[in-house]
Protein backbone atom coordinates (compact mmCIF):
# COMPACT_ATOMS: atom_id res chain seq x y z
CA MET A 1 11.52 -3.56 4.01
CA GLU A 2 10.01 -0.21 2.40
CA PHE A 3 7.18 -0.68 -0.24
CA THR A 4 7.09 2.11 -2.55
CA GLU A 5 7.11 3.34 -6.18
CA LEU A 6 10.23 3.17 -8.15
CA ALA A 7 10.67 7.18 -8.40
CA ASP A 8 11.17 6.81 -4.63
CA TYR A 9 14.37 4.85 -4.47
CA ALA A 10 17.60 6.61 -5.25
CA VAL A 11 19.02 4.99 -8.75
CA PRO A 12 22.62 6.23 -9.51
CA ALA A 13 23.69 6.94 -13.04
CA GLY A 14 25.40 3.93 -15.31
CA THR A 15 24.94 1.26 -17.51
CA LEU A 16 21.69 -0.99 -17.64
CA THR A 17 21.72 -4.36 -18.93
CA GLU A 18 18.42 -5.81 -19.49
CA TRP A 19 17.75 -10.08 -18.82
CA ILE A 20 14.80 -10.84 -20.74
CA PRO A 21 13.88 -14.45 -20.75
CA SER A 22 12.95 -16.28 -24.12
CA VAL A 23 11.74 -19.35 -25.09
CA GLY A 24 12.43 -21.03 -28.61
CA PRO A 25 15.54 -22.48 -30.45
CA GLN A 26 18.15 -21.04 -28.14
CA ALA A 27 17.06 -23.36 -25.15
CA ARG A 28 19.71 -25.33 -23.29
CA THR A 29 18.73 -28.58 -24.61
CA PRO A 30 17.08 -29.28 -27.95
CA GLU A 31 14.61 -31.74 -26.03
CA ALA A 32 13.51 -28.49 -23.95
CA ALA A 33 12.63 -26.13 -26.79
CA GLY A 34 9.06 -24.72 -27.00
CA TRP A 35 6.01 -24.59 -25.45
CA ARG A 36 3.40 -27.55 -24.35
CA SER A 37 0.20 -27.49 -23.59
CA ASP A 38 -1.02 -27.16 -20.17
CA THR A 39 -4.54 -28.09 -18.85
CA ARG A 40 -3.86 -26.91 -15.45
CA PRO A 41 -6.30 -23.52 -14.99
CA THR A 42 -5.16 -20.71 -13.44
CA SER A 43 -6.02 -19.60 -9.75
CA TYR A 44 -9.54 -17.61 -9.51
CA VAL A 45 -7.63 -14.08 -8.75
CA HIS A 46 -5.38 -14.75 -11.84
CA GLU A 47 -8.21 -15.41 -14.01
CA ALA A 48 -9.87 -11.99 -12.95
CA HIS A 49 -7.02 -10.21 -13.48
CA LEU A 50 -6.50 -11.23 -17.05
CA ARG A 51 -10.21 -10.68 -17.80
CA THR A 52 -9.92 -7.10 -16.14
CA SER A 53 -6.74 -6.53 -18.40
CA LEU A 54 -8.29 -7.82 -21.52
CA SER A 55 -11.20 -4.94 -20.79
CA SER A 56 -8.88 -2.03 -19.94
CA LEU A 57 -7.55 0.42 -21.78
CA ARG A 58 -3.77 -0.13 -20.51
CA ARG A 59 -4.27 -4.31 -21.12
CA GLY A 60 -2.70 -4.74 -17.91
CA ARG A 61 0.07 -2.34 -18.11
CA GLU A 62 1.31 -0.85 -14.79
CA SER A 63 0.13 -3.54 -12.60
CA TRP A 64 3.46 -4.99 -11.64
CA LEU A 65 5.18 -5.39 -8.26
CA GLY A 66 8.72 -5.86 -7.94
CA ALA A 67 12.10 -5.24 -5.80
CA ALA A 68 15.44 -3.84 -5.79
CA PHE A 69 18.51 -4.50 -4.07
CA GLU A 70 22.11 -4.24 -4.21
CA VAL A 71 25.16 -7.00 -4.75
CA ALA A 72 28.76 -6.33 -4.47
CA GLY A 73 30.65 -5.46 -8.05
CA PRO A 74 32.11 -5.86 -10.58
CA LEU A 75 29.02 -7.56 -12.22
CA ASN A 76 29.82 -11.12 -13.15
CA LYS A 77 27.47 -11.41 -16.29
CA PRO A 78 27.73 -14.66 -16.85
CA ALA A 79 27.35 -16.27 -13.44
CA PHE A 80 24.16 -14.03 -13.28
CA ARG A 81 22.67 -15.04 -15.99
CA GLN A 82 22.92 -18.69 -14.79
CA ALA A 83 21.30 -17.50 -11.42
CA VAL A 84 18.50 -16.06 -13.27
CA LEU A 85 18.15 -19.35 -15.25
CA ASN A 86 18.30 -21.17 -12.05
CA TRP A 87 15.92 -19.17 -10.17
CA ILE A 88 13.32 -19.65 -13.36
CA ASP A 89 13.86 -23.21 -13.40
CA ARG A 90 13.04 -23.17 -9.88
CA HIS A 91 9.50 -21.54 -10.08
CA GLU A 92 7.39 -23.08 -12.72
CA ALA A 93 5.04 -19.82 -12.89
CA MET A 94 7.81 -18.40 -14.58
CA ARG A 95 7.78 -20.60 -17.38
CA SER A 96 4.07 -20.62 -18.06
CA SER A 97 1.82 -18.55 -19.88
CA ALA A 98 -2.00 -18.18 -19.58
CA SER A 99 -3.78 -16.45 -21.89
CA ILE A 100 -7.71 -15.90 -22.80
CA ASP A 101 -9.01 -15.94 -26.41
CA GLU A 102 -10.38 -12.47 -26.97
CA THR A 103 -13.32 -14.25 -29.66
CA THR A 104 -14.37 -17.35 -27.49
CA GLY A 105 -13.08 -16.12 -24.03
CA GLU A 106 -11.77 -19.75 -23.40
CA MET A 107 -8.61 -20.09 -21.42
CA SER A 108 -5.45 -21.58 -22.16
CA ARG A 109 -2.23 -22.17 -20.85
CA LEU A 110 1.41 -22.85 -22.41
CA THR A 111 4.17 -24.26 -20.11
CA ALA A 112 7.96 -24.78 -20.82
CA ALA A 113 9.98 -27.39 -19.16
CA GLU A 114 13.06 -26.90 -17.08
CA GLY A 115 15.92 -26.05 -19.13
CA ALA A 116 13.83 -24.47 -22.01
CA ILE A 117 14.34 -20.97 -21.24
CA ASP A 118 17.22 -18.66 -22.46
CA ILE A 119 18.22 -15.08 -21.91
CA TRP A 120 18.42 -12.16 -24.13
CA GLN A 121 20.69 -9.96 -22.80
CA VAL A 122 20.03 -6.50 -23.78
CA GLU A 123 23.22 -3.82 -23.27
CA GLN A 124 21.89 -0.20 -22.86
CA GLU A 125 23.92 2.94 -23.69
CA ARG A 126 25.80 4.29 -20.70
CA CYS A 127 23.36 7.06 -18.93
CA SER A 128 25.57 9.68 -17.25
CA GLN A 129 22.23 11.10 -15.65
CA SER A 130 20.22 9.07 -12.90
CA SER A 131 17.01 10.82 -14.56
CA GLU A 132 17.82 8.67 -17.85
CA VAL A 133 18.25 5.34 -15.73
CA PHE A 134 14.91 6.20 -14.18
CA GLU A 135 12.62 6.90 -17.02
CA HIS A 136 14.22 3.87 -18.85
CA LEU A 137 13.34 1.33 -15.96
CA GLN A 138 10.02 2.94 -15.62
CA TYR A 139 9.22 2.45 -19.33
CA LEU A 140 10.47 -1.23 -19.33
CA PHE A 141 8.49 -2.09 -16.49
CA ASP A 142 5.42 -0.59 -17.47
CA GLU A 143 5.20 -1.54 -20.83
CA PHE A 144 6.76 -5.22 -20.91
CA THR A 145 5.13 -6.64 -17.72
CA SER A 146 1.43 -7.08 -18.85
CA PRO A 147 -0.19 -10.38 -17.89
CA LEU A 148 -1.31 -10.78 -21.53
CA ILE A 149 2.23 -11.27 -22.88
CA TRP A 150 5.18 -13.88 -21.97
CA PRO A 151 7.34 -12.85 -20.21
CA ALA A 152 5.42 -10.63 -17.91
CA TYR A 153 8.48 -10.28 -15.96
CA ALA A 154 12.02 -8.89 -16.45
CA PHE A 155 15.36 -8.17 -14.65
CA VAL A 156 17.55 -5.19 -15.21
CA THR A 157 21.06 -4.87 -13.64
CA LEU A 158 22.92 -1.07 -13.05
CA GLU A 159 26.52 -0.65 -13.17
CA PRO A 160 27.15 2.57 -11.60
CA LEU A 161 29.58 4.90 -12.94
CA ASP A 162 31.45 5.18 -9.88
CA ASP A 163 32.93 1.35 -9.97
CA THR A 164 33.16 1.46 -6.30
CA ARG A 165 29.67 1.37 -5.90
CA PRO A 166 27.40 -1.68 -5.65
CA ILE A 167 25.38 -2.94 -8.34
CA THR A 168 21.73 -2.38 -8.06
CA VAL A 169 19.35 -5.35 -9.40
CA PHE A 170 15.75 -4.66 -10.06
CA PHE A 171 12.97 -6.90 -10.85
CA ALA A 172 9.53 -6.51 -11.86
CA ALA A 173 6.62 -8.90 -12.46
CA ASP A 174 2.85 -8.28 -13.22
CA HIS A 175 0.81 -8.97 -10.14
CA SER A 176 -0.89 -12.24 -11.65
CA ILE A 177 2.18 -14.17 -11.06
CA ILE A 178 3.57 -12.72 -7.66
CA ASP A 179 2.51 -11.01 -4.51
CA GLY A 180 3.90 -8.93 -1.89
CA LEU A 181 5.31 -11.66 -0.20
CA SER A 182 7.16 -12.91 -3.68
CA THR A 183 9.01 -9.53 -3.72
CA VAL A 184 10.18 -10.28 -0.27
CA LEU A 185 11.53 -13.47 -1.52
CA VAL A 186 13.31 -12.55 -4.62
CA ALA A 187 16.18 -10.58 -3.48
CA HIS A 188 17.32 -13.45 -1.22
CA GLU A 189 16.97 -16.14 -3.72
CA ILE A 190 18.30 -14.22 -6.55
CA ALA A 191 21.38 -13.19 -4.11
CA ALA A 192 21.85 -16.75 -2.82
CA LEU A 193 22.05 -18.28 -6.58
CA TYR A 194 24.22 -15.58 -7.75
CA GLY A 195 26.77 -16.09 -4.84
CA GLU A 196 26.68 -19.79 -5.66
CA GLU A 197 27.64 -19.03 -9.17
CA LEU A 198 30.59 -16.93 -7.84
CA GLY A 199 32.11 -19.85 -5.92
CA GLY A 200 30.51 -19.09 -2.61
CA PRO A 201 28.40 -21.50 -0.50
CA PRO A 202 25.34 -23.43 -1.93
CA ALA A 203 22.31 -21.09 -2.30
CA ALA A 204 20.19 -24.07 -0.04
CA LEU A 205 17.13 -22.60 -0.95
CA PHE A 206 13.88 -24.42 0.42
CA GLU A 207 12.07 -26.44 -2.23
CA ALA A 208 9.40 -24.11 -3.72
CA GLY A 209 6.04 -25.79 -5.00
CA SER A 210 4.13 -24.54 -8.12
CA TYR A 211 1.63 -21.95 -8.39
CA LEU A 212 0.15 -23.53 -11.03
CA ASP A 213 -0.58 -26.43 -8.78
CA PHE A 214 -1.96 -24.46 -6.33
CA GLY A 215 -4.30 -22.99 -9.08
CA SER A 216 -5.97 -26.61 -9.67
CA SER A 217 -6.22 -27.21 -5.80
CA GLU A 218 -8.09 -24.15 -5.41
CA ARG A 219 -10.16 -24.95 -8.55
CA GLU A 220 -11.20 -28.21 -7.01
CA ARG A 221 -11.66 -27.01 -3.45
CA HIS A 222 -14.21 -24.20 -4.31
CA ALA A 223 -15.78 -25.99 -7.72
CA GLU A 224 -19.01 -25.79 -5.76
CA LEU A 225 -19.69 -22.83 -3.44
CA GLU A 226 -23.22 -22.90 -1.79
CA HIS A 227 -24.96 -19.94 -0.63
CA SER A 228 -25.16 -21.06 2.78
CA HIS A 229 -21.22 -21.10 2.66
CA ASP A 230 -19.75 -18.70 5.39
CA ALA A 231 -17.96 -16.88 2.82
CA VAL A 232 -21.05 -16.07 0.64
CA ARG A 233 -22.92 -15.09 3.52
CA MET A 234 -20.47 -12.93 5.43
CA TRP A 235 -19.54 -11.22 2.00
CA ARG A 236 -23.46 -10.79 1.07
CA ASP A 237 -23.68 -8.87 4.65
CA PHE A 238 -20.81 -6.91 4.32
CA LEU A 239 -21.97 -5.40 1.04
CA VAL A 240 -25.45 -4.83 2.33
CA ASP A 241 -24.10 -3.20 5.37
CA GLY A 242 -22.03 -1.17 2.48
CA ASP A 243 -25.18 0.00 0.54
CA GLY A 244 -23.96 -2.33 -2.36
CA GLU A 245 -20.22 -1.02 -2.23
CA LEU A 246 -16.88 -2.25 -0.46
CA PRO A 247 -15.67 0.12 2.04
CA ALA A 248 -14.15 3.61 1.23
CA PHE A 249 -11.57 5.63 3.27
CA PRO A 250 -12.71 6.90 6.46
CA LEU A 251 -12.25 10.48 5.44
CA ASP A 252 -13.90 12.27 2.95
CA ILE A 253 -11.18 12.30 -0.06
CA GLY A 254 -13.12 14.36 -2.60
CA ASP A 255 -14.22 13.13 -5.89
CA PRO A 256 -12.06 11.80 -8.52
CA SER A 257 -9.77 13.93 -10.69
CA PRO A 258 -11.22 14.47 -14.18
CA GLU A 259 -7.78 13.94 -15.41
CA ASP A 260 -6.12 10.54 -15.59
CA VAL A 261 -2.71 11.18 -13.29
CA PRO A 262 -0.84 8.79 -11.11
CA GLN A 263 -1.76 8.52 -7.58
CA GLY A 264 0.34 9.99 -5.05
CA GLY A 265 2.42 7.75 -2.44
CA LEU A 266 4.13 8.12 1.11
CA SER A 267 6.27 5.45 3.26
CA ALA A 268 7.27 6.37 6.83
CA TRP A 269 9.10 4.41 9.50
CA VAL A 270 6.49 5.02 12.38
CA LEU A 271 7.91 2.73 15.43
CA ASP A 272 11.51 1.72 15.39
CA ALA A 273 12.08 -1.92 16.60
CA GLU A 274 12.10 -1.57 20.06
CA GLN A 275 8.89 0.74 19.92
CA ALA A 276 7.50 -2.10 17.88
CA ASP A 277 8.07 -4.55 20.71
CA SER A 278 6.67 -2.47 23.28
CA PHE A 279 3.51 -1.83 20.96
CA SER A 280 3.26 -5.65 20.29
CA THR A 281 3.79 -6.34 24.26
CA ALA A 282 0.71 -3.93 24.73
CA CYS A 283 -1.44 -5.71 22.49
CA ARG A 284 -0.59 -9.07 24.03
CA LYS A 285 -1.40 -7.90 27.54
CA THR A 286 -4.84 -7.41 26.57
CA GLY A 287 -4.89 -11.05 25.11
CA HIS A 288 -4.67 -10.11 21.58
CA SER A 289 -2.15 -9.85 18.54
CA LEU A 290 -0.37 -7.07 16.94
CA PHE A 291 -2.44 -6.97 13.93
CA ALA A 292 -5.55 -6.28 16.04
CA GLY A 293 -3.92 -3.69 17.67
CA LEU A 294 -3.02 -2.42 14.52
CA LEU A 295 -6.59 -2.50 13.21
CA ALA A 296 -7.94 -0.82 16.70
CA VAL A 297 -5.46 2.09 16.16
CA LEU A 298 -6.40 2.82 12.49
CA ALA A 299 -10.03 2.67 13.85
CA ILE A 300 -9.61 5.25 16.54
CA THR A 301 -7.55 7.30 14.16
CA GLY A 302 -10.94 7.45 12.06
CA GLY A 303 -13.01 8.35 15.10
CA GLU A 304 -10.87 11.22 16.26
CA LEU A 305 -10.45 12.44 13.21
CA GLY A 306 -14.31 12.72 12.19
CA GLY A 307 -14.37 9.28 10.54
CA GLY A 308 -17.35 7.53 12.43
CA THR A 309 -17.34 5.13 15.15
CA ARG A 310 -17.59 2.14 12.78
CA PHE A 311 -14.51 0.92 11.24
CA ARG A 312 -14.92 -1.05 7.64
CA THR A 313 -12.29 -2.04 5.58
CA VAL A 314 -11.00 -5.10 3.42
CA THR A 315 -7.60 -6.61 4.50
CA PRO A 316 -5.67 -9.22 2.38
CA VAL A 317 -4.72 -12.20 4.14
CA HIS A 318 -1.94 -14.86 2.58
CA THR A 319 -2.80 -18.55 1.47
CA ARG A 320 -0.25 -20.21 2.00
CA ASP A 321 -1.80 -22.72 3.74
CA GLU A 322 0.61 -25.85 3.06
CA PRO A 323 4.50 -26.00 3.66
CA GLN A 324 5.12 -26.38 -0.37
CA TRP A 325 3.57 -22.75 -0.84
CA ALA A 326 5.90 -21.42 1.53
CA SER A 327 8.78 -20.39 -0.55
CA ALA A 328 6.73 -20.28 -4.11
CA LEU A 329 6.13 -17.39 -6.19
CA GLY A 330 2.61 -16.45 -7.27
CA TRP A 331 -0.50 -14.57 -6.21
CA PHE A 332 -1.62 -16.15 -2.80
CA VAL A 333 -3.45 -13.81 -1.41
CA GLY A 334 -7.27 -13.71 -0.14
CA LEU A 335 -9.19 -10.92 1.18
CA CYS A 336 -11.60 -10.46 4.25
CA PRO A 337 -13.94 -7.84 5.34
CA ILE A 338 -13.48 -6.10 8.44
CA SER A 339 -16.09 -4.42 10.51
CA PHE A 340 -16.49 -3.38 14.10
CA ASP A 341 -17.21 -0.19 16.50
CA ILE A 342 -14.99 1.48 18.34
CA ASP A 343 -17.80 2.74 20.95
CA GLY A 344 -18.00 -0.19 23.38
CA ASP A 345 -16.82 1.01 26.95
CA GLY A 346 -14.41 3.66 25.84
CA SER A 347 -11.46 2.00 26.40
CA PHE A 348 -8.48 0.55 24.40
CA GLY A 349 -9.16 -2.87 25.54
CA SER A 350 -12.87 -2.81 23.95
CA VAL A 351 -11.61 -1.90 20.86
CA ILE A 352 -8.81 -4.22 20.45
CA ALA A 353 -11.16 -7.02 21.39
CA ALA A 354 -13.63 -5.84 18.74
CA ALA A 355 -11.02 -6.03 16.13
CA SER A 356 -9.64 -9.34 17.58
CA ALA A 357 -13.10 -10.89 17.50
CA GLU A 358 -13.65 -9.55 13.70
CA VAL A 359 -10.31 -10.96 12.56
CA LYS A 360 -11.28 -14.54 13.96
CA LYS A 361 -14.39 -14.33 12.68
CA THR A 362 -13.51 -13.54 9.09
CA LYS A 363 -10.34 -14.80 8.38
CA PRO A 364 -11.18 -18.36 7.60
CA ILE A 365 -13.37 -17.17 4.59
CA ALA A 366 -10.10 -15.45 3.03
CA ARG A 367 -9.11 -19.02 1.73
CA VAL A 368 -12.28 -18.58 -0.41
CA PRO A 369 -11.40 -16.36 -3.45
CA LEU A 370 -13.57 -13.66 -3.57
CA ASP A 371 -14.01 -13.35 -7.49
CA ARG A 372 -15.38 -16.86 -6.86
CA VAL A 373 -17.55 -15.45 -4.13
CA PHE A 374 -19.11 -12.80 -6.43
CA THR A 375 -19.88 -15.41 -8.79
CA THR A 376 -22.13 -17.11 -6.70
CA LEU A 377 -23.75 -13.86 -5.52
CA GLY A 378 -24.02 -12.76 -9.38
CA TYR A 379 -22.56 -9.21 -8.32
CA SER A 380 -19.14 -7.69 -8.45
CA ALA A 381 -17.66 -4.33 -6.56
CA ARG A 382 -14.10 -2.88 -6.33
CA PRO A 383 -12.06 -2.48 -3.14
CA ARG A 384 -11.78 1.14 -2.33
CA PHE A 385 -10.13 1.02 1.02
CA VAL A 386 -7.29 -1.63 1.52
CA VAL A 387 -5.25 -2.19 4.94
CA SER A 388 -2.61 -4.93 4.35
CA PHE A 389 -0.15 -6.09 7.40
CA MET A 390 2.81 -8.54 7.09
CA ASP A 391 4.91 -9.54 9.77
CA VAL A 392 8.31 -10.18 7.52
CA ARG A 393 10.99 -10.05 10.31
CA PHE A 394 11.86 -13.78 9.84
CA ALA A 395 12.06 -13.71 6.11
CA PRO A 396 14.98 -15.25 4.48
CA ALA A 397 17.75 -12.70 4.67
CA ALA A 398 15.80 -10.07 6.08
CA GLU A 399 18.23 -8.92 8.54
CA HIS A 400 20.25 -7.91 5.26
CA TRP A 401 17.85 -5.65 4.08
CA PRO A 402 19.55 -2.52 5.33
CA ASP A 403 22.90 -3.46 4.08
CA TRP A 404 21.56 -4.38 0.22
CA ASN A 405 19.28 -1.26 0.35
CA ALA A 406 16.62 -3.56 -0.60
CA ARG A 407 13.07 -2.38 -1.49
CA ALA A 408 9.67 -3.85 -2.28
CA LEU A 409 8.47 -1.64 -5.20
CA ARG A 410 5.09 -0.89 -7.13
CA SER A 411 4.06 0.36 -10.53
CA LYS A 412 1.91 3.80 -10.67
CA GLN A 413 -1.84 3.36 -9.93
CA TYR A 414 -4.98 5.59 -11.25
CA GLN A 415 -7.83 4.76 -9.16
CA HIS A 416 -9.78 6.76 -6.78
CA ASP A 417 -9.00 4.50 -3.62
CA VAL A 418 -6.85 4.26 -0.74
CA TYR A 419 -4.56 1.26 0.04
CA VAL A 420 -2.46 0.91 3.13
CA TRP A 421 0.55 -1.49 3.48
CA ILE A 422 1.79 -1.88 7.31
CA ASN A 423 4.81 -3.85 7.37
CA ARG A 424 6.99 -5.32 10.57
CA THR A 425 10.65 -5.72 9.88
CA PRO A 426 13.44 -6.14 12.00
CA GLN A 427 14.07 -2.77 11.72
CA GLY A 428 10.49 -1.42 13.07
CA ILE A 429 7.25 -0.96 11.51
CA ASN A 430 6.71 0.67 8.08
CA ILE A 431 3.54 2.21 6.56
CA ALA A 432 3.11 3.09 3.22
CA ALA A 433 0.39 4.29 1.34
CA ARG A 434 -1.11 5.62 -2.03
CA TYR A 435 -4.10 7.52 -2.56
CA PRO A 436 -5.48 10.12 -5.30
CA ASN A 437 -3.03 12.85 -6.11
CA THR A 438 -5.62 15.51 -5.53
CA GLU A 439 -5.27 18.32 -2.89
CA GLN A 440 -8.03 17.24 -0.90
CA ALA A 441 -7.09 13.58 -0.83
CA THR A 442 -3.32 14.09 0.03
CA ALA A 443 -4.25 16.15 2.84
CA ARG A 444 -6.58 13.75 4.29
CA VAL A 445 -4.70 10.60 3.98
CA HIS A 446 -1.35 12.42 5.51
CA GLU A 447 -3.44 13.70 8.21
CA TYR A 448 -4.99 10.45 9.06
CA ILE A 449 -1.26 8.45 8.90
CA GLY A 450 0.07 11.56 10.98
CA THR A 451 -2.65 10.77 13.52
CA LEU A 452 -2.08 7.27 13.34
CA ARG A 453 1.69 7.57 14.04
CA ARG A 454 0.93 9.34 17.14
CA LEU A 455 -1.28 6.99 18.39
CA LEU A 456 0.78 3.92 17.42
CA THR A 457 3.44 5.54 19.83
CA GLU A 458 1.10 6.65 22.41
CA VAL A 459 0.58 2.70 22.91
CA ALA A 460 4.06 1.81 22.67
CA ASP A 461 4.78 4.06 25.33
CA THR A 462 2.09 3.76 28.06
CA GLY A 463 -0.07 0.60 26.69
CA THR A 464 -3.00 2.08 25.97
CA ALA A 465 -4.80 5.09 23.58
CA ARG A 466 -7.14 7.55 24.21
CA ILE A 467 -10.84 6.74 22.68
CA PRO A 468 -12.54 10.02 21.42
CA ASP A 469 -14.49 11.62 24.07
CA THR A 470 -17.26 12.53 22.01
CA ALA A 471 -17.96 10.04 19.08
CA PRO A 472 -18.92 11.59 15.78
CA GLU A 473 -21.97 10.26 14.23
CA PRO A 474 -21.47 6.32 13.10
CA PHE A 475 -20.89 5.38 9.32
CA ARG A 476 -24.57 5.14 7.91
CA ASP A 477 -25.43 1.49 7.51
CA GLY A 478 -26.72 1.70 3.92
CA HIS A 479 -29.16 -0.56 2.54
CA ILE A 480 -29.72 -1.66 -1.02
CA ASP A 481 -32.05 -3.85 -2.88
CA SER A 482 -31.11 -7.63 -1.91
CA SER A 483 -32.47 -8.78 -5.01
CA ARG A 484 -29.41 -7.05 -6.72
CA ILE A 485 -27.55 -9.56 -4.81
CA ALA A 486 -28.39 -13.23 -5.67
CA THR A 487 -29.61 -15.16 -2.51
CA SER A 488 -30.34 -18.68 -3.85
CA GLN A 489 -29.21 -20.97 -6.89
């Protein structure tokens, strides 16, 4: 499944219907109507996102993730409505609203019971141009998925002018309540629940835990975090080595644009399924994983293009460490620091071994939320170069994604940073990226991804990759005044 912006999804002309959740007198049972106070805290990353949104000019807007996929027409609206309601009952995070008092800074939560949700079904005028459909979707999702309001998500169905074409379902939700894997799950669950309402087989979805319970357990686990904890120590060392900053993109992308413009983006299928298998086999023959191989090739790419011999990035790692979280919706993601050299014995084997050793060392600390670590350190820094990897070949209904025209979506972003997402699917390996929309940044990121693609193909074809003969000067290991980062309680 590709991961792109809405603008890169082929949207036909047609008629839109918005499906907006509501709570109140129209609840399905009188006993279920209304909100109830809920003492469960948010996860650490959810709280950090809320506080950042409060201080942002955009107030958390344009921080959404989503999905688009097709179902056979014509659209049975009562069945679709019931499918969405059943889905909302299934995921408690979709029935809960966390907020922060802007005067006191205190957090609170309200949660609605199962059966308390109704749906506002908003029929829009027929759009004769696909551009009208796109503009409406973009506006709706940008403006009505803020984490500071409820609901922070919405569904939209599109009935095309050509009634022989399938129906397109669009979904968007603020990042505070979903992550990348959540977007992958939505298409399967809604399609299965809708099919059941149409008289098809039971949806037979796996039982899903509550992200609210995850937040509570996370707070309990990390309420006390000593400076001697591995997570605190590793992140502190990582910050010191980076001159107090988290890593930047290996190549020079220039200065931030003085204008507030959306980032650029790309998506490319770099290996087909057979090549992906060959690449994985080459990695396993060295005794290491495909993810370690990807990191190794990313590092070699930077070295070849003059980015230095030390590769540094931040990578997300899922925190779905119990069976109940496997099908849950929420932001189940931690971060871990990655830093290793490519100038070992000059072989692909030595680079992948270095990458593998770093992953083995730092992956366990991803369970400790970075915001909690930074609180302990009395310090903060913003990710500037992030590399994400997901193997979604065995996700529910993954084999149907091409037939469904399924796509994971993300909102526009405006930061001066580079994010790279690498997804292994049944169709092969896809790489997506977002980056500053400047001439220099666009050129350097495209050059980087182009070289990365060539090197991935080289490993898939030959089992190895050429390391640059003459490595450029390594990254400068900057130093900061360690007193800026707390060292004791």
